[in-house]
Amino acid sequence: MGSDGDITHAWFDPQRLHPEVESLIYWRSAARSGAALGAGLALLVALACCSVVSVLAYSSLLALSAAVAFRIYKNVLQAVQKTNEGHPFKWLLEKDISVPAERAQSLAAAATAHLNAALAELRRLFLVEDLVDSLKFGVLLWCLTYVGACFNGITLIILGWIALFTLPKAYEMNKPQVDANLELARAKINEISAKVRAAVPLGKKAESEKDK
């Protein structure tokens, strides 16, 4: 299989994911994955109905109210039972939540590398370094105009969140069939691209310049 096929399949490789993320989106624990999916959907629907400030304020107020109520309940329970268990959130208060400097630097470096790669690719596409690639990018943008006419941003995020918890698991359960169809689609796209490049002189020129 060629490099294009390897790149296509890499998007579906769970080994590329953080173990916690992989466990959630592949439903290794149904309870945790269901809770994450439901909590995310609730937050996104709230953002679709209310402002970000309102959602953050009400969510924080709800969390604070729950923490205060639990703290009062534990204090009353300790007073009745005459025990001294200490602060109910002691284990969380003592937990180190600081981000290591090395981790922050590695994340910043990775984000910078991805940003630079994206900027270079956009420059290549918008300045028509390769005519065929720019035409394919134009078709993608044209399709996005129809998507934007049907869905707003928050709706697309909601659909993306649902897809994140459904498509990877569906792919894992039907990997041979999906791989076969992806390979057929990739071969067809490569065949059409090759015909277009053969018919467009600018495409040949761009390729010859790359070889130099």
N, C-alpha and C. Protein backbone atom coordinates (compact mmCIF):
# COMPACT_ATOMS: atom_id res chain seq x y z
N MET A 1 0.84 -1.19 0.00
CA MET A 1 0.00 0.00 0.00
C MET A 1 0.87 1.24 0.00
N GLY A 2 0.47 2.27 -0.75
CA GLY A 2 1.26 3.48 -0.88
C GLY A 2 1.19 4.34 0.35
N SER A 3 1.96 5.44 0.28
CA SER A 3 2.01 6.35 1.42
C SER A 3 0.69 7.02 1.67
N ASP A 4 -0.08 7.32 0.57
CA ASP A 4 -1.39 7.95 0.76
C ASP A 4 -2.31 7.08 1.57
N GLY A 5 -2.28 5.76 1.28
CA GLY A 5 -3.14 4.86 2.05
C GLY A 5 -2.74 4.79 3.50
N ASP A 6 -1.39 4.83 3.76
CA ASP A 6 -0.94 4.81 5.14
C ASP A 6 -1.40 6.05 5.88
N ILE A 7 -1.35 7.20 5.21
CA ILE A 7 -1.80 8.43 5.85
C ILE A 7 -3.29 8.38 6.12
N THR A 8 -4.06 7.84 5.18
CA THR A 8 -5.50 7.74 5.38
C THR A 8 -5.82 6.88 6.58
N HIS A 9 -5.16 5.75 6.71
CA HIS A 9 -5.46 4.85 7.82
C HIS A 9 -4.93 5.37 9.14
N ALA A 10 -3.94 6.25 9.11
CA ALA A 10 -3.38 6.77 10.36
C ALA A 10 -4.39 7.58 11.14
N TRP A 11 -5.35 8.17 10.41
CA TRP A 11 -6.37 8.95 11.12
C TRP A 11 -7.23 8.05 12.00
N PHE A 12 -7.29 6.76 11.69
CA PHE A 12 -8.15 5.86 12.43
C PHE A 12 -7.34 4.97 13.38
N ASP A 13 -6.07 5.28 13.59
CA ASP A 13 -5.22 4.45 14.43
C ASP A 13 -5.37 4.88 15.89
N PRO A 14 -5.95 4.04 16.75
CA PRO A 14 -6.12 4.44 18.15
C PRO A 14 -4.81 4.60 18.90
N GLN A 15 -3.72 4.02 18.38
CA GLN A 15 -2.43 4.16 19.05
C GLN A 15 -1.89 5.58 18.99
N ARG A 16 -2.45 6.41 18.09
CA ARG A 16 -2.03 7.81 18.00
C ARG A 16 -2.67 8.66 19.09
N LEU A 17 -3.67 8.12 19.78
CA LEU A 17 -4.43 8.89 20.76
C LEU A 17 -3.87 8.70 22.16
N HIS A 18 -4.18 9.67 23.03
CA HIS A 18 -3.87 9.51 24.45
C HIS A 18 -4.71 8.37 25.00
N PRO A 19 -4.17 7.54 25.90
CA PRO A 19 -4.94 6.39 26.41
C PRO A 19 -6.31 6.75 26.97
N GLU A 20 -6.41 7.90 27.68
CA GLU A 20 -7.70 8.30 28.23
C GLU A 20 -8.70 8.64 27.12
N VAL A 21 -8.22 9.36 26.11
CA VAL A 21 -9.09 9.71 24.98
C VAL A 21 -9.51 8.46 24.21
N GLU A 22 -8.54 7.57 23.98
CA GLU A 22 -8.85 6.33 23.27
C GLU A 22 -9.88 5.50 24.01
N SER A 23 -9.78 5.48 25.34
CA SER A 23 -10.73 4.72 26.15
C SER A 23 -12.13 5.29 26.05
N LEU A 24 -12.22 6.62 25.96
CA LEU A 24 -13.54 7.26 25.90
C LEU A 24 -14.21 7.05 24.54
N ILE A 25 -13.51 7.39 23.47
CA ILE A 25 -14.17 7.38 22.16
C ILE A 25 -14.35 5.98 21.60
N TYR A 26 -13.60 5.00 22.13
CA TYR A 26 -13.79 3.61 21.71
C TYR A 26 -14.65 2.82 22.70
N TRP A 27 -15.23 3.51 23.66
CA TRP A 27 -16.20 2.92 24.58
C TRP A 27 -15.63 1.71 25.32
N ARG A 28 -14.38 1.86 25.82
CA ARG A 28 -13.81 0.78 26.63
C ARG A 28 -14.57 0.64 27.94
N SER A 29 -15.09 1.77 28.43
CA SER A 29 -15.96 1.77 29.60
C SER A 29 -17.25 2.49 29.20
N ALA A 30 -18.33 1.74 29.07
CA ALA A 30 -19.58 2.32 28.57
C ALA A 30 -20.09 3.44 29.48
N ALA A 31 -19.93 3.28 30.79
CA ALA A 31 -20.43 4.29 31.72
C ALA A 31 -19.68 5.61 31.55
N ARG A 32 -18.36 5.54 31.48
CA ARG A 32 -17.56 6.76 31.34
C ARG A 32 -17.78 7.41 29.99
N SER A 33 -17.82 6.61 28.93
CA SER A 33 -18.04 7.17 27.60
C SER A 33 -19.42 7.79 27.48
N GLY A 34 -20.43 7.11 28.02
CA GLY A 34 -21.78 7.67 27.98
C GLY A 34 -21.88 8.96 28.76
N ALA A 35 -21.21 9.01 29.92
CA ALA A 35 -21.24 10.24 30.72
C ALA A 35 -20.54 11.38 29.99
N ALA A 36 -19.41 11.08 29.35
CA ALA A 36 -18.68 12.12 28.61
C ALA A 36 -19.50 12.61 27.42
N LEU A 37 -20.11 11.69 26.68
CA LEU A 37 -20.94 12.07 25.55
C LEU A 37 -22.12 12.91 26.00
N GLY A 38 -22.82 12.49 27.05
CA GLY A 38 -23.97 13.23 27.55
C GLY A 38 -23.60 14.59 28.09
N ALA A 39 -22.50 14.68 28.86
CA ALA A 39 -22.08 15.96 29.41
C ALA A 39 -21.68 16.93 28.31
N GLY A 40 -20.96 16.41 27.31
CA GLY A 40 -20.57 17.27 26.20
C GLY A 40 -21.76 17.77 25.40
N LEU A 41 -22.71 16.88 25.15
CA LEU A 41 -23.92 17.29 24.41
C LEU A 41 -24.72 18.32 25.20
N ALA A 42 -24.83 18.12 26.50
CA ALA A 42 -25.57 19.07 27.33
C ALA A 42 -24.92 20.45 27.28
N LEU A 43 -23.59 20.48 27.35
CA LEU A 43 -22.87 21.75 27.30
C LEU A 43 -23.04 22.43 25.94
N LEU A 44 -22.93 21.65 24.86
CA LEU A 44 -23.05 22.23 23.52
C LEU A 44 -24.46 22.72 23.24
N VAL A 45 -25.46 21.97 23.69
CA VAL A 45 -26.85 22.42 23.50
C VAL A 45 -27.09 23.69 24.31
N ALA A 46 -26.52 23.75 25.51
CA ALA A 46 -26.66 24.97 26.32
C ALA A 46 -26.00 26.15 25.62
N LEU A 47 -24.84 25.93 25.01
CA LEU A 47 -24.17 27.00 24.28
C LEU A 47 -24.97 27.43 23.06
N ALA A 48 -25.72 26.48 22.46
CA ALA A 48 -26.54 26.82 21.31
C ALA A 48 -27.75 27.66 21.70
N CYS A 49 -28.21 27.49 22.94
CA CYS A 49 -29.41 28.20 23.39
C CYS A 49 -29.09 29.49 24.15
N CYS A 50 -27.95 29.53 24.82
CA CYS A 50 -27.61 30.68 25.66
C CYS A 50 -26.22 31.19 25.29
N SER A 51 -25.87 32.33 25.86
CA SER A 51 -24.55 32.90 25.61
C SER A 51 -23.48 32.12 26.36
N VAL A 52 -22.24 32.27 25.92
CA VAL A 52 -21.13 31.58 26.57
C VAL A 52 -20.99 32.03 28.02
N VAL A 53 -21.16 33.34 28.26
CA VAL A 53 -21.04 33.87 29.62
C VAL A 53 -22.09 33.24 30.53
N SER A 54 -23.32 33.13 30.04
CA SER A 54 -24.39 32.54 30.86
C SER A 54 -24.12 31.08 31.16
N VAL A 55 -23.68 30.34 30.15
CA VAL A 55 -23.40 28.91 30.35
C VAL A 55 -22.27 28.73 31.36
N LEU A 56 -21.19 29.52 31.23
CA LEU A 56 -20.08 29.40 32.17
C LEU A 56 -20.51 29.79 33.58
N ALA A 57 -21.31 30.87 33.68
CA ALA A 57 -21.74 31.33 35.00
C ALA A 57 -22.65 30.31 35.67
N TYR A 58 -23.64 29.79 34.95
CA TYR A 58 -24.56 28.82 35.54
C TYR A 58 -23.86 27.50 35.85
N SER A 59 -22.96 27.06 34.97
CA SER A 59 -22.24 25.82 35.22
C SER A 59 -21.36 25.94 36.46
N SER A 60 -20.65 27.06 36.56
CA SER A 60 -19.80 27.29 37.73
C SER A 60 -20.63 27.40 39.00
N LEU A 61 -21.78 28.09 38.90
CA LEU A 61 -22.65 28.22 40.08
C LEU A 61 -23.20 26.87 40.51
N LEU A 62 -23.55 26.02 39.55
CA LEU A 62 -24.05 24.68 39.87
C LEU A 62 -22.96 23.85 40.54
N ALA A 63 -21.74 23.91 39.99
CA ALA A 63 -20.64 23.15 40.59
C ALA A 63 -20.33 23.65 41.99
N LEU A 64 -20.32 24.97 42.17
CA LEU A 64 -20.04 25.53 43.49
C LEU A 64 -21.12 25.16 44.49
N SER A 65 -22.38 25.22 44.06
CA SER A 65 -23.49 24.86 44.96
C SER A 65 -23.40 23.41 45.39
N ALA A 66 -23.08 22.53 44.45
CA ALA A 66 -22.93 21.11 44.78
C ALA A 66 -21.79 20.90 45.77
N ALA A 67 -20.66 21.60 45.56
CA ALA A 67 -19.52 21.45 46.47
C ALA A 67 -19.85 21.97 47.87
N VAL A 68 -20.53 23.12 47.95
CA VAL A 68 -20.90 23.68 49.25
C VAL A 68 -21.87 22.76 49.97
N ALA A 69 -22.87 22.25 49.23
CA ALA A 69 -23.86 21.35 49.84
C ALA A 69 -23.19 20.08 50.35
N PHE A 70 -22.27 19.53 49.57
CA PHE A 70 -21.58 18.30 50.00
C PHE A 70 -20.70 18.58 51.21
N ARG A 71 -20.03 19.74 51.22
CA ARG A 71 -19.18 20.09 52.37
C ARG A 71 -20.02 20.23 53.64
N ILE A 72 -21.18 20.90 53.55
CA ILE A 72 -22.05 21.06 54.72
C ILE A 72 -22.58 19.71 55.18
N TYR A 73 -22.97 18.86 54.23
CA TYR A 73 -23.48 17.53 54.56
C TYR A 73 -22.43 16.71 55.31
N LYS A 74 -21.19 16.73 54.83
CA LYS A 74 -20.13 15.96 55.48
C LYS A 74 -19.82 16.52 56.87
N ASN A 75 -19.86 17.87 57.02
CA ASN A 75 -19.61 18.47 58.34
C ASN A 75 -20.69 18.08 59.34
N VAL A 76 -21.97 18.12 58.90
CA VAL A 76 -23.06 17.71 59.78
C VAL A 76 -22.94 16.25 60.14
N LEU A 77 -22.60 15.41 59.15
CA LEU A 77 -22.46 13.97 59.38
C LEU A 77 -21.33 13.70 60.37
N GLN A 78 -20.22 14.41 60.25
CA GLN A 78 -19.11 14.22 61.19
C GLN A 78 -19.49 14.68 62.60
N ALA A 79 -20.29 15.77 62.68
CA ALA A 79 -20.72 16.26 63.99
C ALA A 79 -21.66 15.27 64.66
N VAL A 80 -22.57 14.67 63.90
CA VAL A 80 -23.52 13.71 64.47
C VAL A 80 -22.80 12.44 64.90
N GLN A 81 -21.89 11.96 64.03
CA GLN A 81 -21.19 10.71 64.33
C GLN A 81 -19.96 10.91 65.21
N LYS A 82 -19.67 12.19 65.52
CA LYS A 82 -18.51 12.54 66.35
C LYS A 82 -17.22 11.94 65.80
N THR A 83 -17.02 12.13 64.51
CA THR A 83 -15.79 11.68 63.84
C THR A 83 -15.01 12.90 63.37
N ASN A 84 -13.81 12.67 63.01
CA ASN A 84 -12.96 13.75 62.52
C ASN A 84 -12.24 13.29 61.25
N GLU A 85 -12.99 13.23 60.17
CA GLU A 85 -12.44 12.75 58.91
C GLU A 85 -11.72 13.86 58.14
N GLY A 86 -11.88 15.09 58.57
CA GLY A 86 -11.21 16.19 57.89
C GLY A 86 -12.01 16.69 56.70
N HIS A 87 -11.35 17.49 55.90
CA HIS A 87 -12.01 18.10 54.73
C HIS A 87 -12.38 17.03 53.71
N PRO A 88 -13.64 17.02 53.21
CA PRO A 88 -14.05 15.97 52.25
C PRO A 88 -13.31 16.05 50.92
N PHE A 89 -12.79 17.23 50.60
CA PHE A 89 -12.06 17.38 49.33
C PHE A 89 -10.56 17.47 49.54
N LYS A 90 -10.09 16.89 50.66
CA LYS A 90 -8.67 17.01 50.99
C LYS A 90 -7.79 16.40 49.92
N TRP A 91 -8.21 15.25 49.37
CA TRP A 91 -7.38 14.57 48.38
C TRP A 91 -7.28 15.39 47.08
N LEU A 92 -8.32 16.17 46.80
CA LEU A 92 -8.26 17.03 45.62
C LEU A 92 -7.44 18.29 45.89
N LEU A 93 -7.56 18.82 47.11
CA LEU A 93 -6.81 20.02 47.46
C LEU A 93 -5.31 19.75 47.49
N GLU A 94 -4.92 18.53 47.85
CA GLU A 94 -3.51 18.18 47.94
C GLU A 94 -2.93 17.67 46.62
N LYS A 95 -3.80 17.47 45.64
CA LYS A 95 -3.33 16.94 44.36
C LYS A 95 -2.64 18.05 43.56
N ASP A 96 -1.52 17.71 42.97
CA ASP A 96 -0.76 18.68 42.18
C ASP A 96 -1.41 18.83 40.80
N ILE A 97 -1.92 20.02 40.50
CA ILE A 97 -2.59 20.28 39.23
C ILE A 97 -1.77 21.23 38.36
N SER A 98 -0.56 21.55 38.78
CA SER A 98 0.27 22.46 37.99
C SER A 98 0.76 21.75 36.73
N VAL A 99 0.89 22.52 35.66
CA VAL A 99 1.39 21.99 34.39
C VAL A 99 2.91 22.09 34.37
N PRO A 100 3.61 20.98 34.21
CA PRO A 100 5.08 21.05 34.17
C PRO A 100 5.56 21.93 33.03
N ALA A 101 6.66 22.64 33.27
CA ALA A 101 7.19 23.54 32.24
C ALA A 101 7.58 22.77 30.98
N GLU A 102 8.13 21.57 31.16
CA GLU A 102 8.53 20.77 30.00
C GLU A 102 7.32 20.38 29.16
N ARG A 103 6.21 20.04 29.85
CA ARG A 103 4.99 19.67 29.13
C ARG A 103 4.42 20.85 28.37
N ALA A 104 4.42 22.03 29.01
CA ALA A 104 3.92 23.23 28.35
C ALA A 104 4.76 23.58 27.13
N GLN A 105 6.09 23.44 27.25
CA GLN A 105 6.97 23.74 26.13
C GLN A 105 6.77 22.76 24.98
N SER A 106 6.58 21.47 25.31
CA SER A 106 6.36 20.48 24.25
C SER A 106 5.04 20.72 23.54
N LEU A 107 3.99 21.09 24.30
CA LEU A 107 2.70 21.40 23.67
C LEU A 107 2.81 22.63 22.78
N ALA A 108 3.51 23.65 23.27
CA ALA A 108 3.68 24.86 22.47
C ALA A 108 4.47 24.58 21.20
N ALA A 109 5.50 23.75 21.32
CA ALA A 109 6.30 23.40 20.13
C ALA A 109 5.47 22.62 19.12
N ALA A 110 4.65 21.67 19.62
CA ALA A 110 3.81 20.89 18.72
C ALA A 110 2.77 21.78 18.04
N ALA A 111 2.16 22.69 18.82
CA ALA A 111 1.16 23.60 18.24
C ALA A 111 1.80 24.51 17.19
N THR A 112 3.01 24.99 17.47
CA THR A 112 3.70 25.85 16.51
C THR A 112 4.03 25.09 15.23
N ALA A 113 4.46 23.85 15.36
CA ALA A 113 4.78 23.05 14.18
C ALA A 113 3.54 22.83 13.32
N HIS A 114 2.40 22.50 13.96
CA HIS A 114 1.16 22.30 13.20
C HIS A 114 0.70 23.60 12.55
N LEU A 115 0.83 24.72 13.27
CA LEU A 115 0.43 26.01 12.72
C LEU A 115 1.27 26.38 11.50
N ASN A 116 2.57 26.19 11.60
CA ASN A 116 3.45 26.50 10.48
C ASN A 116 3.15 25.62 9.27
N ALA A 117 2.89 24.34 9.53
CA ALA A 117 2.55 23.43 8.43
C ALA A 117 1.25 23.84 7.76
N ALA A 118 0.25 24.25 8.57
CA ALA A 118 -1.04 24.68 8.02
C ALA A 118 -0.88 25.95 7.19
N LEU A 119 -0.09 26.91 7.70
CA LEU A 119 0.12 28.16 6.96
C LEU A 119 0.84 27.90 5.63
N ALA A 120 1.83 27.02 5.66
CA ALA A 120 2.55 26.70 4.43
C ALA A 120 1.63 26.03 3.42
N GLU A 121 0.76 25.13 3.90
CA GLU A 121 -0.15 24.44 2.99
C GLU A 121 -1.18 25.41 2.41
N LEU A 122 -1.71 26.31 3.24
CA LEU A 122 -2.68 27.30 2.75
C LEU A 122 -2.03 28.23 1.72
N ARG A 123 -0.81 28.65 1.98
CA ARG A 123 -0.11 29.49 1.00
C ARG A 123 0.06 28.76 -0.31
N ARG A 124 0.42 27.47 -0.23
CA ARG A 124 0.60 26.68 -1.45
C ARG A 124 -0.69 26.56 -2.24
N LEU A 125 -1.81 26.38 -1.51
CA LEU A 125 -3.09 26.20 -2.19
C LEU A 125 -3.63 27.51 -2.76
N PHE A 126 -3.56 28.59 -1.98
CA PHE A 126 -4.14 29.85 -2.43
C PHE A 126 -3.30 30.51 -3.53
N LEU A 127 -1.99 30.26 -3.53
CA LEU A 127 -1.13 30.83 -4.57
C LEU A 127 -0.93 29.88 -5.75
N VAL A 128 -1.70 28.79 -5.78
CA VAL A 128 -1.77 27.86 -6.91
C VAL A 128 -0.38 27.35 -7.29
N GLU A 129 0.34 26.83 -6.31
CA GLU A 129 1.61 26.19 -6.62
C GLU A 129 1.38 24.95 -7.47
N ASP A 130 0.32 24.21 -7.15
CA ASP A 130 -0.10 23.06 -7.95
C ASP A 130 -1.56 23.28 -8.33
N LEU A 131 -1.83 23.40 -9.62
CA LEU A 131 -3.17 23.76 -10.09
C LEU A 131 -4.21 22.73 -9.67
N VAL A 132 -3.88 21.45 -9.78
CA VAL A 132 -4.84 20.40 -9.46
C VAL A 132 -5.20 20.42 -7.98
N ASP A 133 -4.19 20.55 -7.13
CA ASP A 133 -4.46 20.61 -5.69
C ASP A 133 -5.30 21.83 -5.34
N SER A 134 -5.04 22.96 -5.97
CA SER A 134 -5.83 24.17 -5.71
C SER A 134 -7.26 24.01 -6.20
N LEU A 135 -7.44 23.32 -7.32
CA LEU A 135 -8.79 23.07 -7.82
C LEU A 135 -9.56 22.16 -6.86
N LYS A 136 -8.88 21.14 -6.34
CA LYS A 136 -9.53 20.26 -5.36
C LYS A 136 -9.88 21.04 -4.09
N PHE A 137 -9.01 21.93 -3.69
CA PHE A 137 -9.29 22.78 -2.53
C PHE A 137 -10.48 23.69 -2.80
N GLY A 138 -10.57 24.20 -4.04
CA GLY A 138 -11.71 25.03 -4.40
C GLY A 138 -13.02 24.27 -4.35
N VAL A 139 -12.99 23.00 -4.79
CA VAL A 139 -14.20 22.17 -4.72
C VAL A 139 -14.61 21.96 -3.27
N LEU A 140 -13.62 21.74 -2.40
CA LEU A 140 -13.91 21.58 -0.97
C LEU A 140 -14.55 22.84 -0.41
N LEU A 141 -14.00 24.01 -0.74
CA LEU A 141 -14.58 25.27 -0.26
C LEU A 141 -15.99 25.47 -0.80
N TRP A 142 -16.20 25.09 -2.04
CA TRP A 142 -17.54 25.21 -2.63
C TRP A 142 -18.55 24.32 -1.90
N CYS A 143 -18.12 23.11 -1.55
CA CYS A 143 -19.00 22.22 -0.78
C CYS A 143 -19.28 22.79 0.61
N LEU A 144 -18.27 23.45 1.19
CA LEU A 144 -18.47 24.03 2.52
C LEU A 144 -19.48 25.17 2.50
N THR A 145 -19.63 25.85 1.37
CA THR A 145 -20.64 26.90 1.30
C THR A 145 -22.04 26.32 1.48
N TYR A 146 -22.27 25.12 0.93
CA TYR A 146 -23.56 24.46 1.10
C TYR A 146 -23.73 23.94 2.53
N VAL A 147 -22.64 23.45 3.11
CA VAL A 147 -22.71 23.01 4.50
C VAL A 147 -23.04 24.19 5.41
N GLY A 148 -22.39 25.33 5.16
CA GLY A 148 -22.65 26.52 5.96
C GLY A 148 -24.05 27.04 5.80
N ALA A 149 -24.65 26.83 4.62
CA ALA A 149 -26.02 27.27 4.41
C ALA A 149 -27.03 26.41 5.17
N CYS A 150 -26.65 25.18 5.48
CA CYS A 150 -27.56 24.26 6.18
C CYS A 150 -27.32 24.20 7.68
N PHE A 151 -26.09 24.43 8.11
CA PHE A 151 -25.77 24.29 9.53
C PHE A 151 -24.96 25.50 9.98
N ASN A 152 -25.18 25.90 11.24
CA ASN A 152 -24.32 26.92 11.82
C ASN A 152 -23.15 26.26 12.54
N GLY A 153 -22.26 27.07 13.09
CA GLY A 153 -21.04 26.53 13.68
C GLY A 153 -21.30 25.60 14.85
N ILE A 154 -22.18 25.99 15.77
CA ILE A 154 -22.42 25.17 16.96
C ILE A 154 -23.09 23.85 16.58
N THR A 155 -23.94 23.87 15.54
CA THR A 155 -24.56 22.62 15.09
C THR A 155 -23.52 21.66 14.54
N LEU A 156 -22.55 22.20 13.78
CA LEU A 156 -21.48 21.35 13.25
C LEU A 156 -20.63 20.78 14.38
N ILE A 157 -20.41 21.59 15.43
CA ILE A 157 -19.63 21.09 16.57
C ILE A 157 -20.39 19.98 17.28
N ILE A 158 -21.71 20.13 17.42
CA ILE A 158 -22.53 19.08 18.03
C ILE A 158 -22.45 17.79 17.21
N LEU A 159 -22.60 17.93 15.89
CA LEU A 159 -22.50 16.75 15.03
C LEU A 159 -21.11 16.13 15.10
N GLY A 160 -20.08 16.98 15.17
CA GLY A 160 -18.72 16.47 15.30
C GLY A 160 -18.50 15.73 16.61
N TRP A 161 -19.10 16.25 17.69
CA TRP A 161 -18.98 15.59 19.00
C TRP A 161 -19.64 14.21 18.98
N ILE A 162 -20.82 14.14 18.35
CA ILE A 162 -21.51 12.84 18.23
C ILE A 162 -20.69 11.89 17.36
N ALA A 163 -20.14 12.42 16.26
CA ALA A 163 -19.34 11.58 15.37
C ALA A 163 -18.09 11.07 16.07
N LEU A 164 -17.52 11.87 16.96
CA LEU A 164 -16.31 11.46 17.69
C LEU A 164 -16.56 10.22 18.54
N PHE A 165 -17.80 10.07 19.03
CA PHE A 165 -18.11 8.92 19.89
C PHE A 165 -18.79 7.78 19.12
N THR A 166 -18.99 7.94 17.81
CA THR A 166 -19.65 6.89 17.04
C THR A 166 -18.78 6.35 15.91
N LEU A 167 -18.16 7.25 15.12
CA LEU A 167 -17.42 6.79 13.95
C LEU A 167 -16.20 5.93 14.28
N PRO A 168 -15.35 6.32 15.27
CA PRO A 168 -14.20 5.45 15.56
C PRO A 168 -14.61 4.04 15.97
N LYS A 169 -15.65 3.93 16.81
CA LYS A 169 -16.10 2.60 17.23
C LYS A 169 -16.71 1.84 16.06
N ALA A 170 -17.48 2.55 15.21
CA ALA A 170 -18.06 1.89 14.04
C ALA A 170 -16.97 1.42 13.09
N TYR A 171 -15.90 2.23 12.94
CA TYR A 171 -14.79 1.82 12.09
C TYR A 171 -14.07 0.60 12.67
N GLU A 172 -13.89 0.60 13.98
CA GLU A 172 -13.22 -0.53 14.63
C GLU A 172 -14.00 -1.83 14.43
N MET A 173 -15.32 -1.74 14.44
CA MET A 173 -16.16 -2.93 14.30
C MET A 173 -16.29 -3.38 12.85
N ASN A 174 -16.04 -2.46 11.89
CA ASN A 174 -16.19 -2.79 10.47
C ASN A 174 -14.93 -2.42 9.68
N LYS A 175 -13.77 -2.64 10.28
CA LYS A 175 -12.51 -2.17 9.70
C LYS A 175 -12.24 -2.75 8.31
N PRO A 176 -12.37 -4.06 8.06
CA PRO A 176 -12.04 -4.58 6.72
C PRO A 176 -12.89 -3.95 5.62
N GLN A 177 -14.21 -3.86 5.85
CA GLN A 177 -15.07 -3.30 4.82
C GLN A 177 -14.78 -1.82 4.56
N VAL A 178 -14.58 -1.07 5.65
CA VAL A 178 -14.31 0.37 5.50
C VAL A 178 -12.98 0.59 4.81
N ASP A 179 -11.95 -0.19 5.18
CA ASP A 179 -10.65 -0.05 4.54
C ASP A 179 -10.73 -0.32 3.05
N ALA A 180 -11.50 -1.34 2.68
CA ALA A 180 -11.64 -1.68 1.27
C ALA A 180 -12.31 -0.54 0.51
N ASN A 181 -13.38 0.04 1.09
CA ASN A 181 -14.07 1.15 0.43
C ASN A 181 -13.19 2.40 0.36
N LEU A 182 -12.42 2.66 1.42
CA LEU A 182 -11.51 3.81 1.41
C LEU A 182 -10.43 3.65 0.35
N GLU A 183 -9.95 2.43 0.20
CA GLU A 183 -8.92 2.17 -0.80
C GLU A 183 -9.47 2.37 -2.21
N LEU A 184 -10.72 1.92 -2.44
CA LEU A 184 -11.34 2.13 -3.74
C LEU A 184 -11.54 3.62 -4.02
N ALA A 185 -12.01 4.37 -3.00
CA ALA A 185 -12.21 5.81 -3.18
C ALA A 185 -10.88 6.51 -3.43
N ARG A 186 -9.84 6.13 -2.69
CA ARG A 186 -8.52 6.75 -2.89
C ARG A 186 -7.99 6.47 -4.28
N ALA A 187 -8.15 5.22 -4.74
CA ALA A 187 -7.67 4.87 -6.08
C ALA A 187 -8.43 5.66 -7.15
N LYS A 188 -9.74 5.84 -6.96
CA LYS A 188 -10.53 6.58 -7.93
C LYS A 188 -10.12 8.05 -7.96
N ILE A 189 -9.89 8.63 -6.77
CA ILE A 189 -9.46 10.03 -6.71
C ILE A 189 -8.10 10.20 -7.36
N ASN A 190 -7.18 9.28 -7.10
CA ASN A 190 -5.85 9.34 -7.72
C ASN A 190 -5.95 9.20 -9.24
N GLU A 191 -6.87 8.34 -9.70
CA GLU A 191 -7.04 8.17 -11.14
C GLU A 191 -7.55 9.45 -11.79
N ILE A 192 -8.55 10.08 -11.15
CA ILE A 192 -9.09 11.33 -11.70
C ILE A 192 -8.03 12.43 -11.65
N SER A 193 -7.28 12.50 -10.54
CA SER A 193 -6.24 13.52 -10.43
C SER A 193 -5.17 13.33 -11.50
N ALA A 194 -4.81 12.07 -11.77
CA ALA A 194 -3.81 11.80 -12.80
C ALA A 194 -4.30 12.24 -14.17
N LYS A 195 -5.58 12.00 -14.47
CA LYS A 195 -6.14 12.43 -15.76
C LYS A 195 -6.15 13.95 -15.88
N VAL A 196 -6.52 14.61 -14.78
CA VAL A 196 -6.54 16.07 -14.81
C VAL A 196 -5.15 16.63 -15.00
N ARG A 197 -4.17 16.06 -14.27
CA ARG A 197 -2.79 16.53 -14.41
C ARG A 197 -2.26 16.31 -15.82
N ALA A 198 -2.67 15.19 -16.43
CA ALA A 198 -2.21 14.93 -17.79
C ALA A 198 -2.83 15.90 -18.79
N ALA A 199 -4.04 16.37 -18.48
CA ALA A 199 -4.74 17.28 -19.40
C ALA A 199 -4.40 18.74 -19.17
N VAL A 200 -3.86 19.07 -17.99
CA VAL A 200 -3.56 20.47 -17.65
C VAL A 200 -2.05 20.66 -17.68
N PRO A 201 -1.54 21.47 -18.60
CA PRO A 201 -0.09 21.68 -18.69
C PRO A 201 0.50 22.29 -17.42
N LEU A 202 -0.26 23.16 -16.75
CA LEU A 202 0.25 23.80 -15.55
C LEU A 202 0.55 22.79 -14.46
N GLY A 203 -0.27 21.73 -14.42
CA GLY A 203 -0.03 20.69 -13.43
C GLY A 203 1.30 19.99 -13.68
N LYS A 204 1.61 19.73 -14.97
CA LYS A 204 2.88 19.09 -15.30
C LYS A 204 4.05 20.01 -14.95
N LYS A 205 3.86 21.30 -15.22
CA LYS A 205 4.92 22.25 -14.93
C LYS A 205 5.23 22.30 -13.44
N ALA A 206 4.17 22.29 -12.64
CA ALA A 206 4.38 22.34 -11.19
C ALA A 206 5.13 21.11 -10.71
N GLU A 207 4.79 19.94 -11.28
CA GLU A 207 5.47 18.73 -10.87
C GLU A 207 6.93 18.75 -11.26
N SER A 208 7.24 19.26 -12.47
CA SER A 208 8.62 19.32 -12.91
C SER A 208 9.44 20.27 -12.06
N GLU A 209 8.81 21.38 -11.62
CA GLU A 209 9.51 22.31 -10.76
C GLU A 209 9.81 21.69 -9.40
N LYS A 210 8.86 20.86 -8.89
CA LYS A 210 9.09 20.20 -7.61
C LYS A 210 10.27 19.22 -7.71
N ASP A 211 10.39 18.51 -8.88
CA ASP A 211 11.46 17.56 -9.06
C ASP A 211 12.82 18.25 -9.03
N LYS A 212 12.87 19.48 -9.54
CA LYS A 212 14.11 20.23 -9.53
C LYS A 212 14.52 20.60 -8.12
